[in-house]
Amino acid sequence: MSQARNPVPGSLSIANEVIAELAGYAAYQSYGVAGMAAPSMQDGIAKILPMHRLRRGVLTEMTDKGAIIDMFVIIENGTNLAAVSQNLADSVRYVLEHYAQIKVLDVRIHVQGINQPR
């Protein structure tokens, strides 16, 4: 037996930092993504951001029609860049639309580097 849900009056707003954090965690769990990178590279070198700074690798733009997400990532060496990027975009879109109920207009993936094994 399912219960009917009654809407609660009011509104909900989600901070851009929370949206970026959700997108960062989706990236962290995506196959082929070594980590997040800062949008601006110092000295032309992309560095993997630590786990507690994932949102620094995500830029969010909220419009009245939905969100535009820019993800700055470092991809694992030997993986298909197009496949990893598409998988990541799909994962971010799913997480934001399913958990935060935010309409996502676009997810743009910016590959900042390739993680080379040492």
Protein backbone atom coordinates (compact mmCIF):
# COMPACT_ATOMS: atom_id res chain seq x y z
CA MET A 1 0.00 0.00 0.00
CA SER A 2 1.55 3.33 -1.01
CA GLN A 3 0.91 6.59 0.73
CA ALA A 4 0.00 9.73 -1.17
CA ARG A 5 2.44 12.59 -0.83
CA ASN A 6 1.06 15.98 0.01
CA PRO A 7 3.11 18.93 -1.20
CA VAL A 8 4.48 21.18 1.50
CA PRO A 9 3.96 24.90 0.84
CA GLY A 10 7.08 27.01 0.47
CA SER A 11 10.18 27.00 -1.63
CA LEU A 12 13.57 25.34 -1.55
CA SER A 13 16.83 26.81 -2.72
CA ILE A 14 20.08 24.91 -3.00
CA ALA A 15 23.40 26.74 -2.75
CA ASN A 16 25.74 26.52 -5.74
CA GLU A 17 28.36 25.03 -3.43
CA VAL A 18 26.05 22.11 -2.66
CA ILE A 19 25.35 21.57 -6.36
CA ALA A 20 29.10 21.64 -7.06
CA GLU A 21 29.74 19.19 -4.22
CA LEU A 22 27.16 16.72 -5.58
CA ALA A 23 28.64 17.00 -9.08
CA GLY A 24 32.15 16.51 -7.67
CA TYR A 25 31.15 13.34 -5.86
CA ALA A 26 29.50 12.03 -9.03
CA ALA A 27 32.79 12.62 -10.85
CA TYR A 28 34.80 11.00 -8.07
CA GLN A 29 32.77 7.80 -8.51
CA SER A 30 32.88 7.77 -12.32
CA TYR A 31 35.04 5.21 -14.11
CA GLY A 32 38.08 6.73 -15.79
CA VAL A 33 38.11 9.96 -13.81
CA ALA A 34 41.34 10.27 -11.81
CA GLY A 35 40.13 13.38 -10.03
CA MET A 36 38.99 16.96 -10.21
CA ALA A 37 41.24 19.84 -11.29
CA ALA A 38 41.02 23.56 -10.69
CA PRO A 39 39.52 25.52 -13.61
CA SER A 40 42.73 27.55 -13.98
CA MET A 41 45.96 25.61 -14.24
CA GLN A 42 49.06 27.06 -12.59
CA ASP A 43 52.14 26.96 -14.82
CA GLY A 44 50.15 24.89 -17.34
CA ILE A 45 50.04 21.92 -14.98
CA ALA A 46 46.75 20.40 -13.80
CA LYS A 47 46.84 18.96 -10.28
CA ILE A 48 44.32 16.55 -8.79
CA LEU A 49 42.35 18.29 -6.07
CA PRO A 50 42.06 16.57 -2.69
CA MET A 51 38.72 14.97 -1.78
CA HIS A 52 37.69 17.88 0.47
CA ARG A 53 38.08 20.34 -2.42
CA LEU A 54 36.13 18.59 -5.17
CA ARG A 55 33.77 21.52 -5.65
CA ARG A 56 36.67 23.73 -6.75
CA GLY A 57 36.72 21.69 -9.97
CA VAL A 58 33.09 22.50 -10.72
CA LEU A 59 31.55 25.75 -11.94
CA THR A 60 27.77 26.10 -11.75
CA GLU A 61 25.58 28.59 -13.53
CA MET A 62 21.95 28.72 -12.52
CA THR A 63 19.41 30.19 -14.92
CA ASP A 64 15.64 30.41 -14.68
CA LYS A 65 15.47 27.35 -16.98
CA GLY A 66 18.00 25.15 -15.16
CA ALA A 67 21.66 24.58 -14.39
CA ILE A 68 24.74 24.62 -16.58
CA ILE A 69 27.62 22.66 -15.08
CA ASP A 70 31.29 22.89 -16.08
CA MET A 71 33.46 20.03 -14.81
CA PHE A 72 37.27 20.27 -14.82
CA VAL A 73 38.74 16.78 -14.59
CA ILE A 74 41.86 14.71 -14.94
CA ILE A 75 41.27 11.45 -16.80
CA GLU A 76 43.05 8.12 -16.22
CA ASN A 77 45.67 7.22 -18.80
CA GLY A 78 44.52 4.61 -21.32
CA THR A 79 40.80 5.35 -21.09
CA ASN A 80 38.63 6.56 -23.96
CA LEU A 81 38.26 10.33 -23.42
CA ALA A 82 34.94 10.59 -25.26
CA ALA A 83 33.40 7.63 -23.42
CA VAL A 84 34.61 8.78 -19.99
CA SER A 85 33.40 12.34 -20.65
CA GLN A 86 29.95 11.17 -21.79
CA ASN A 87 29.64 8.79 -18.84
CA LEU A 88 30.63 11.58 -16.44
CA ALA A 89 28.16 14.05 -17.96
CA ASP A 90 25.37 11.46 -17.73
CA SER A 91 26.27 10.65 -14.11
CA VAL A 92 26.32 14.32 -13.05
CA ARG A 93 23.00 14.95 -14.80
CA TYR A 94 21.41 11.94 -13.09
CA VAL A 95 22.68 12.86 -9.61
CA LEU A 96 21.53 16.47 -9.84
CA GLU A 97 18.16 15.70 -11.40
CA HIS A 98 17.42 12.66 -9.21
CA TYR A 99 18.72 13.74 -5.79
CA ALA A 100 18.53 17.55 -5.93
CA GLN A 101 15.66 17.72 -8.45
CA ILE A 102 17.46 20.40 -10.44
CA LYS A 103 16.87 20.61 -14.17
CA VAL A 104 20.24 20.35 -15.89
CA LEU A 105 20.52 22.13 -19.23
CA ASP A 106 24.10 21.17 -19.99
CA VAL A 107 27.12 19.44 -18.46
CA ARG A 108 30.38 20.51 -20.08
CA ILE A 109 33.46 18.41 -19.44
CA HIS A 110 36.89 20.07 -19.59
CA VAL A 111 39.75 17.56 -19.55
CA GLN A 112 42.61 19.36 -17.83
CA GLY A 113 45.07 16.50 -17.98
CA ILE A 114 45.82 12.78 -18.15
CA ASN A 115 46.90 10.91 -15.00
CA GLN A 116 50.17 9.17 -15.82
CA PRO A 117 51.14 6.16 -13.70
CA ARG A 118 54.42 6.62 -11.84
